[in-house]
Amino acid sequence: MAEPPTLTFAVTGMHCASCGLLIDDAVEELDGVDRSQTDSRRGRTVVQVDPSVATVEAIVAAIAGAGYEAEPVSS
């Protein structure tokens, strides 16, 4: 079975690994998200997602809801 597609987001406002965990928890609550992995040192969140269910806008909103700003990074 193929891996789900991934989307990458540049995230600002993180200060430590706990910030990344907060983001991952918020994003992984969305329908259509299989996995979120945030690297607070690089300021990046990579999300494995079913794009027919979870939208870029919903992921950005979830990250904002956790208290951070995000924007998609083109691949």
PDB file of N, CA and C in Angstrom:
ATOM      1  N   MET A   1       0.837  -1.175   0.000  1.00  0.00           N
ATOM      2  CA  MET A   1       0.000   0.000   0.000  1.00  0.00           C
ATOM      3  C   MET A   1       0.887   1.244   0.000  1.00  0.00           C
ATOM      4  N   ALA A   2       0.554   2.209  -0.818  1.00  0.00           N
ATOM      5  CA  ALA A   2       1.373   3.420  -0.951  1.00  0.00           C
ATOM      6  C   ALA A   2       1.191   4.328   0.261  1.00  0.00           C
ATOM      7  N   GLU A   3       2.257   5.049   0.572  1.00  0.00           N
ATOM      8  CA  GLU A   3       2.198   6.042   1.639  1.00  0.00           C
ATOM      9  C   GLU A   3       1.264   7.171   1.239  1.00  0.00           C
ATOM     10  N   PRO A   4       0.521   7.728   2.191  1.00  0.00           N
ATOM     11  CA  PRO A   4      -0.306   8.891   1.861  1.00  0.00           C
ATOM     12  C   PRO A   4       0.570  10.064   1.454  1.00  0.00           C
ATOM     13  N   PRO A   5       0.042  10.976   0.651  1.00  0.00           N
ATOM     14  CA  PRO A   5       0.820  12.148   0.272  1.00  0.00           C
ATOM     15  C   PRO A   5       1.164  12.987   1.502  1.00  0.00           C
ATOM     16  N   THR A   6       2.222  13.761   1.387  1.00  0.00           N
ATOM     17  CA  THR A   6       2.615  14.634   2.490  1.00  0.00           C
ATOM     18  C   THR A   6       2.540  16.087   2.057  1.00  0.00           C
ATOM     19  N   LEU A   7       2.217  16.929   3.022  1.00  0.00           N
ATOM     20  CA  LEU A   7       2.241  18.374   2.853  1.00  0.00           C
ATOM     21  C   LEU A   7       3.207  18.929   3.883  1.00  0.00           C
ATOM     22  N   THR A   8       3.982  19.941   3.489  1.00  0.00           N
ATOM     23  CA  THR A   8       4.935  20.555   4.399  1.00  0.00           C
ATOM     24  C   THR A   8       4.523  21.992   4.663  1.00  0.00           C
ATOM     25  N   PHE A   9       4.644  22.391   5.927  1.00  0.00           N
ATOM     26  CA  PHE A   9       4.280  23.732   6.353  1.00  0.00           C
ATOM     27  C   PHE A   9       5.440  24.382   7.083  1.00  0.00           C
ATOM     28  N   ALA A  10       5.680  25.668   6.796  1.00  0.00           N
ATOM     29  CA  ALA A  10       6.624  26.470   7.568  1.00  0.00           C
ATOM     30  C   ALA A  10       5.834  27.024   8.746  1.00  0.00           C
ATOM     31  N   VAL A  11       6.347  26.816   9.954  1.00  0.00           N
ATOM     32  CA  VAL A  11       5.641  27.222  11.167  1.00  0.00           C
ATOM     33  C   VAL A  11       6.519  28.191  11.948  1.00  0.00           C
ATOM     34  N   THR A  12       5.924  29.299  12.376  1.00  0.00           N
ATOM     35  CA  THR A  12       6.659  30.279  13.179  1.00  0.00           C
ATOM     36  C   THR A  12       6.056  30.345  14.578  1.00  0.00           C
ATOM     37  N   GLY A  13       6.904  30.737  15.525  1.00  0.00           N
ATOM     38  CA  GLY A  13       6.468  30.917  16.903  1.00  0.00           C
ATOM     39  C   GLY A  13       6.832  29.777  17.828  1.00  0.00           C
ATOM     40  N   MET A  14       7.458  28.724  17.294  1.00  0.00           N
ATOM     41  CA  MET A  14       7.848  27.593  18.136  1.00  0.00           C
ATOM     42  C   MET A  14       9.148  27.912  18.864  1.00  0.00           C
ATOM     43  N   HIS A  15       9.238  27.402  20.111  1.00  0.00           N
ATOM     44  CA  HIS A  15      10.440  27.647  20.907  1.00  0.00           C
ATOM     45  C   HIS A  15      11.118  26.359  21.383  1.00  0.00           C
ATOM     46  N   CYS A  16      10.353  25.252  21.379  1.00  0.00           N
ATOM     47  CA  CYS A  16      10.926  24.012  21.910  1.00  0.00           C
ATOM     48  C   CYS A  16      10.156  22.807  21.350  1.00  0.00           C
ATOM     49  N   ALA A  17      10.613  21.628  21.719  1.00  0.00           N
ATOM     50  CA  ALA A  17       9.970  20.397  21.237  1.00  0.00           C
ATOM     51  C   ALA A  17       8.523  20.295  21.708  1.00  0.00           C
ATOM     52  N   SER A  18       8.205  20.834  22.863  1.00  0.00           N
ATOM     53  CA  SER A  18       6.823  20.800  23.351  1.00  0.00           C
ATOM     54  C   SER A  18       5.884  21.558  22.423  1.00  0.00           C
ATOM     55  N   CYS A  19       6.380  22.619  21.820  1.00  0.00           N
ATOM     56  CA  CYS A  19       5.576  23.353  20.835  1.00  0.00           C
ATOM     57  C   CYS A  19       5.211  22.417  19.681  1.00  0.00           C
ATOM     58  N   GLY A  20       6.165  21.649  19.233  1.00  0.00           N
ATOM     59  CA  GLY A  20       5.925  20.705  18.147  1.00  0.00           C
ATOM     60  C   GLY A  20       4.896  19.661  18.524  1.00  0.00           C
ATOM     61  N   LEU A  21       4.936  19.192  19.755  1.00  0.00           N
ATOM     62  CA  LEU A  21       3.952  18.197  20.207  1.00  0.00           C
ATOM     63  C   LEU A  21       2.551  18.787  20.223  1.00  0.00           C
ATOM     64  N   LEU A  22       2.416  20.040  20.646  1.00  0.00           N
ATOM     65  CA  LEU A  22       1.112  20.700  20.636  1.00  0.00           C
ATOM     66  C   LEU A  22       0.561  20.782  19.216  1.00  0.00           C
ATOM     67  N   ILE A  23       1.425  21.134  18.269  1.00  0.00           N
ATOM     68  CA  ILE A  23       1.011  21.234  16.872  1.00  0.00           C
ATOM     69  C   ILE A  23       0.599  19.865  16.347  1.00  0.00           C
ATOM     70  N   ASP A  24       1.427  18.860  16.591  1.00  0.00           N
ATOM     71  CA  ASP A  24       1.112  17.517  16.103  1.00  0.00           C
ATOM     72  C   ASP A  24      -0.219  17.015  16.664  1.00  0.00           C
ATOM     73  N   ASP A  25      -0.458  17.251  17.947  1.00  0.00           N
ATOM     74  CA  ASP A  25      -1.722  16.822  18.549  1.00  0.00           C
ATOM     75  C   ASP A  25      -2.905  17.507  17.877  1.00  0.00           C
ATOM     76  N   ALA A  26      -2.792  18.801  17.632  1.00  0.00           N
ATOM     77  CA  ALA A  26      -3.891  19.561  17.016  1.00  0.00           C
ATOM     78  C   ALA A  26      -4.153  19.087  15.590  1.00  0.00           C
ATOM     79  N   VAL A  27      -3.095  18.887  14.822  1.00  0.00           N
ATOM     80  CA  VAL A  27      -3.249  18.494  13.418  1.00  0.00           C
ATOM     81  C   VAL A  27      -3.767  17.066  13.307  1.00  0.00           C
ATOM     82  N   GLU A  28      -3.295  16.180  14.162  1.00  0.00           N
ATOM     83  CA  GLU A  28      -3.697  14.773  14.084  1.00  0.00           C
ATOM     84  C   GLU A  28      -5.149  14.557  14.489  1.00  0.00           C
ATOM     85  N   GLU A  29      -5.805  15.551  15.077  1.00  0.00           N
ATOM     86  CA  GLU A  29      -7.225  15.447  15.392  1.00  0.00           C
ATOM     87  C   GLU A  29      -8.106  15.641  14.156  1.00  0.00           C
ATOM     88  N   LEU A  30      -7.541  16.166  13.082  1.00  0.00           N
ATOM     89  CA  LEU A  30      -8.316  16.414  11.864  1.00  0.00           C
ATOM     90  C   LEU A  30      -8.609  15.114  11.125  1.00  0.00           C
ATOM     91  N   ASP A  31      -9.839  15.013  10.608  1.00  0.00           N
ATOM     92  CA  ASP A  31     -10.172  13.889   9.738  1.00  0.00           C
ATOM     93  C   ASP A  31      -9.295  13.957   8.496  1.00  0.00           C
ATOM     94  N   GLY A  32      -8.793  12.809   8.070  1.00  0.00           N
ATOM     95  CA  GLY A  32      -7.977  12.744   6.869  1.00  0.00           C
ATOM     96  C   GLY A  32      -6.490  12.887   7.117  1.00  0.00           C
ATOM     97  N   VAL A  33      -6.097  13.182   8.353  1.00  0.00           N
ATOM     98  CA  VAL A  33      -4.669  13.296   8.683  1.00  0.00           C
ATOM     99  C   VAL A  33      -4.223  11.974   9.290  1.00  0.00           C
ATOM    100  N   ASP A  34      -3.216  11.363   8.679  1.00  0.00           N
ATOM    101  CA  ASP A  34      -2.684  10.104   9.190  1.00  0.00           C
ATOM    102  C   ASP A  34      -1.595  10.343  10.227  1.00  0.00           C
ATOM    103  N   ARG A  35      -0.781  11.389   9.984  1.00  0.00           N
ATOM    104  CA  ARG A  35       0.357  11.631  10.870  1.00  0.00           C
ATOM    105  C   ARG A  35       0.852  13.052  10.683  1.00  0.00           C
ATOM    106  N   SER A  36       1.306  13.648  11.767  1.00  0.00           N
ATOM    107  CA  SER A  36       1.941  14.957  11.724  1.00  0.00           C
ATOM    108  C   SER A  36       3.276  14.851  12.455  1.00  0.00           C
ATOM    109  N   GLN A  37       4.314  15.401  11.853  1.00  0.00           N
ATOM    110  CA  GLN A  37       5.631  15.374  12.477  1.00  0.00           C
ATOM    111  C   GLN A  37       6.228  16.759  12.376  1.00  0.00           C
ATOM    112  N   THR A  38       6.434  17.396  13.527  1.00  0.00           N
ATOM    113  CA  THR A  38       6.941  18.758  13.581  1.00  0.00           C
ATOM    114  C   THR A  38       8.375  18.771  14.075  1.00  0.00           C
ATOM    115  N   ASP A  39       9.206  19.525  13.387  1.00  0.00           N
ATOM    116  CA  ASP A  39      10.595  19.751  13.784  1.00  0.00           C
ATOM    117  C   ASP A  39      10.694  21.213  14.223  1.00  0.00           C
ATOM    118  N   SER A  40      10.691  21.437  15.531  1.00  0.00           N
ATOM    119  CA  SER A  40      10.697  22.807  16.047  1.00  0.00           C
ATOM    120  C   SER A  40      12.002  23.532  15.727  1.00  0.00           C
ATOM    121  N   ARG A  41      13.082  22.819  15.579  1.00  0.00           N
ATOM    122  CA  ARG A  41      14.369  23.461  15.258  1.00  0.00           C
ATOM    123  C   ARG A  41      14.390  23.986  13.832  1.00  0.00           C
ATOM    124  N   ARG A  42      13.754  23.256  12.919  1.00  0.00           N
ATOM    125  CA  ARG A  42      13.717  23.676  11.515  1.00  0.00           C
ATOM    126  C   ARG A  42      12.493  24.524  11.192  1.00  0.00           C
ATOM    127  N   GLY A  43      11.511  24.535  12.097  1.00  0.00           N
ATOM    128  CA  GLY A  43      10.300  25.300  11.856  1.00  0.00           C
ATOM    129  C   GLY A  43       9.439  24.693  10.762  1.00  0.00           C
ATOM    130  N   ARG A  44       9.370  23.360  10.735  1.00  0.00           N
ATOM    131  CA  ARG A  44       8.622  22.659   9.693  1.00  0.00           C
ATOM    132  C   ARG A  44       7.699  21.613  10.309  1.00  0.00           C
ATOM    133  N   THR A  45       6.532  21.483   9.706  1.00  0.00           N
ATOM    134  CA  THR A  45       5.605  20.410  10.039  1.00  0.00           C
ATOM    135  C   THR A  45       5.303  19.658   8.752  1.00  0.00           C
ATOM    136  N   VAL A  46       5.469  18.341   8.797  1.00  0.00           N
ATOM    137  CA  VAL A  46       5.174  17.488   7.648  1.00  0.00           C
ATOM    138  C   VAL A  46       3.967  16.644   8.026  1.00  0.00           C
ATOM    139  N   VAL A  47       2.942  16.691   7.182  1.00  0.00           N
ATOM    140  CA  VAL A  47       1.677  16.032   7.481  1.00  0.00           C
ATOM    141  C   VAL A  47       1.376  14.999   6.401  1.00  0.00           C
ATOM    142  N   GLN A  48       1.148  13.750   6.822  1.00  0.00           N
ATOM    143  CA  GLN A  48       0.659  12.720   5.908  1.00  0.00           C
ATOM    144  C   GLN A  48      -0.859  12.855   5.902  1.00  0.00           C
ATOM    145  N   VAL A  49      -1.414  13.033   4.707  1.00  0.00           N
ATOM    146  CA  VAL A  49      -2.807  13.449   4.642  1.00  0.00           C
ATOM    147  C   VAL A  49      -3.530  12.836   3.455  1.00  0.00           C
ATOM    148  N   ASP A  50      -4.833  12.654   3.624  1.00  0.00           N
ATOM    149  CA  ASP A  50      -5.704  12.324   2.506  1.00  0.00           C
ATOM    150  C   ASP A  50      -6.255  13.660   2.025  1.00  0.00           C
ATOM    151  N   PRO A  51      -5.743  14.188   0.912  1.00  0.00           N
ATOM    152  CA  PRO A  51      -6.131  15.531   0.476  1.00  0.00           C
ATOM    153  C   PRO A  51      -7.591  15.651   0.051  1.00  0.00           C
ATOM    154  N   SER A  52      -8.275  14.527  -0.121  1.00  0.00           N
ATOM    155  CA  SER A  52      -9.699  14.607  -0.442  1.00  0.00           C
ATOM    156  C   SER A  52     -10.540  14.835   0.814  1.00  0.00           C
ATOM    157  N   VAL A  53      -9.910  14.707   1.986  1.00  0.00           N
ATOM    158  CA  VAL A  53     -10.619  14.884   3.251  1.00  0.00           C
ATOM    159  C   VAL A  53     -10.114  16.116   4.003  1.00  0.00           C
ATOM    160  N   ALA A  54      -8.812  16.206   4.213  1.00  0.00           N
ATOM    161  CA  ALA A  54      -8.222  17.318   4.972  1.00  0.00           C
ATOM    162  C   ALA A  54      -7.630  18.335   4.004  1.00  0.00           C
ATOM    163  N   THR A  55      -7.990  19.587   4.185  1.00  0.00           N
ATOM    164  CA  THR A  55      -7.489  20.646   3.305  1.00  0.00           C
ATOM    165  C   THR A  55      -6.306  21.365   3.927  1.00  0.00           C
ATOM    166  N   VAL A  56      -5.558  22.036   3.073  1.00  0.00           N
ATOM    167  CA  VAL A  56      -4.456  22.877   3.544  1.00  0.00           C
ATOM    168  C   VAL A  56      -4.988  23.913   4.527  1.00  0.00           C
ATOM    169  N   GLU A  57      -6.129  24.504   4.203  1.00  0.00           N
ATOM    170  CA  GLU A  57      -6.716  25.536   5.060  1.00  0.00           C
ATOM    171  C   GLU A  57      -7.053  24.989   6.445  1.00  0.00           C
ATOM    172  N   ALA A  58      -7.572  23.763   6.503  1.00  0.00           N
ATOM    173  CA  ALA A  58      -7.920  23.153   7.788  1.00  0.00           C
ATOM    174  C   ALA A  58      -6.674  22.890   8.618  1.00  0.00           C
ATOM    175  N   ILE A  59      -5.592  22.480   7.963  1.00  0.00           N
ATOM    176  CA  ILE A  59      -4.345  22.213   8.683  1.00  0.00           C
ATOM    177  C   ILE A  59      -3.758  23.520   9.214  1.00  0.00           C
ATOM    178  N   VAL A  60      -3.752  24.559   8.389  1.00  0.00           N
ATOM    179  CA  VAL A  60      -3.259  25.871   8.832  1.00  0.00           C
ATOM    180  C   VAL A  60      -4.098  26.364  10.012  1.00  0.00           C
ATOM    181  N   ALA A  61      -5.417  26.168   9.940  1.00  0.00           N
ATOM    182  CA  ALA A  61      -6.305  26.597  11.025  1.00  0.00           C
ATOM    183  C   ALA A  61      -6.029  25.821  12.313  1.00  0.00           C
ATOM    184  N   ALA A  62      -5.756  24.520  12.196  1.00  0.00           N
ATOM    185  CA  ALA A  62      -5.447  23.712  13.380  1.00  0.00           C
ATOM    186  C   ALA A  62      -4.151  24.182  14.027  1.00  0.00           C
ATOM    187  N   ILE A  63      -3.161  24.503  13.208  1.00  0.00           N
ATOM    188  CA  ILE A  63      -1.884  25.003  13.734  1.00  0.00           C
ATOM    189  C   ILE A  63      -2.103  26.361  14.396  1.00  0.00           C
ATOM    190  N   ALA A  64      -2.916  27.210  13.777  1.00  0.00           N
ATOM    191  CA  ALA A  64      -3.229  28.523  14.364  1.00  0.00           C
ATOM    192  C   ALA A  64      -3.976  28.345  15.684  1.00  0.00           C
ATOM    193  N   GLY A  65      -4.853  27.362  15.737  1.00  0.00           N
ATOM    194  CA  GLY A  65      -5.583  27.090  16.964  1.00  0.00           C
ATOM    195  C   GLY A  65      -4.675  26.665  18.105  1.00  0.00           C
ATOM    196  N   ALA A  66      -3.528  26.098  17.764  1.00  0.00           N
ATOM    197  CA  ALA A  66      -2.542  25.709  18.772  1.00  0.00           C
ATOM    198  C   ALA A  66      -1.653  26.893  19.169  1.00  0.00           C
ATOM    199  N   GLY A  67      -1.823  28.026  18.456  1.00  0.00           N
ATOM    200  CA  GLY A  67      -1.087  29.238  18.832  1.00  0.00           C
ATOM    201  C   GLY A  67       0.097  29.585  17.955  1.00  0.00           C
ATOM    202  N   TYR A  68       0.161  29.013  16.755  1.00  0.00           N
ATOM    203  CA  TYR A  68       1.309  29.239  15.874  1.00  0.00           C
ATOM    204  C   TYR A  68       0.830  29.664  14.493  1.00  0.00           C
ATOM    205  N   GLU A  69       1.718  30.247  13.729  1.00  0.00           N
ATOM    206  CA  GLU A  69       1.398  30.634  12.357  1.00  0.00           C
ATOM    207  C   GLU A  69       2.045  29.648  11.412  1.00  0.00           C
ATOM    208  N   ALA A  70       1.308  29.313  10.331  1.00  0.00           N
ATOM    209  CA  ALA A  70       1.820  28.346   9.370  1.00  0.00           C
ATOM    210  C   ALA A  70       1.441  28.754   7.963  1.00  0.00           C
ATOM    211  N   GLU A  71       2.275  28.350   7.031  1.00  0.00           N
ATOM    212  CA  GLU A  71       1.955  28.501   5.617  1.00  0.00           C
ATOM    213  C   GLU A  71       2.531  27.323   4.873  1.00  0.00           C
ATOM    214  N   PRO A  72       1.844  26.865   3.836  1.00  0.00           N
ATOM    215  CA  PRO A  72       2.344  25.715   3.076  1.00  0.00           C
ATOM    216  C   PRO A  72       3.649  26.047   2.374  1.00  0.00           C
ATOM    217  N   VAL A  73       4.494  25.049   2.273  1.00  0.00           N
ATOM    218  CA  VAL A  73       5.767  25.165   1.554  1.00  0.00           C
ATOM    219  C   VAL A  73       5.619  24.377   0.275  1.00  0.00           C
ATOM    220  N   SER A  74       5.858  25.006  -0.858  1.00  0.00           N
ATOM    221  CA  SER A  74       5.753  24.277  -2.139  1.00  0.00           C
ATOM    222  C   SER A  74       6.898  23.289  -2.244  1.00  0.00           C
ATOM    223  N   SER A  75       6.602  22.135  -2.837  1.00  0.00           N
ATOM    224  CA  SER A  75       7.617  21.087  -2.934  1.00  0.00           C
ATOM    225  C   SER A  75       8.492  21.234  -4.130  1.00  0.00           C
TER     226      SER A  75
END
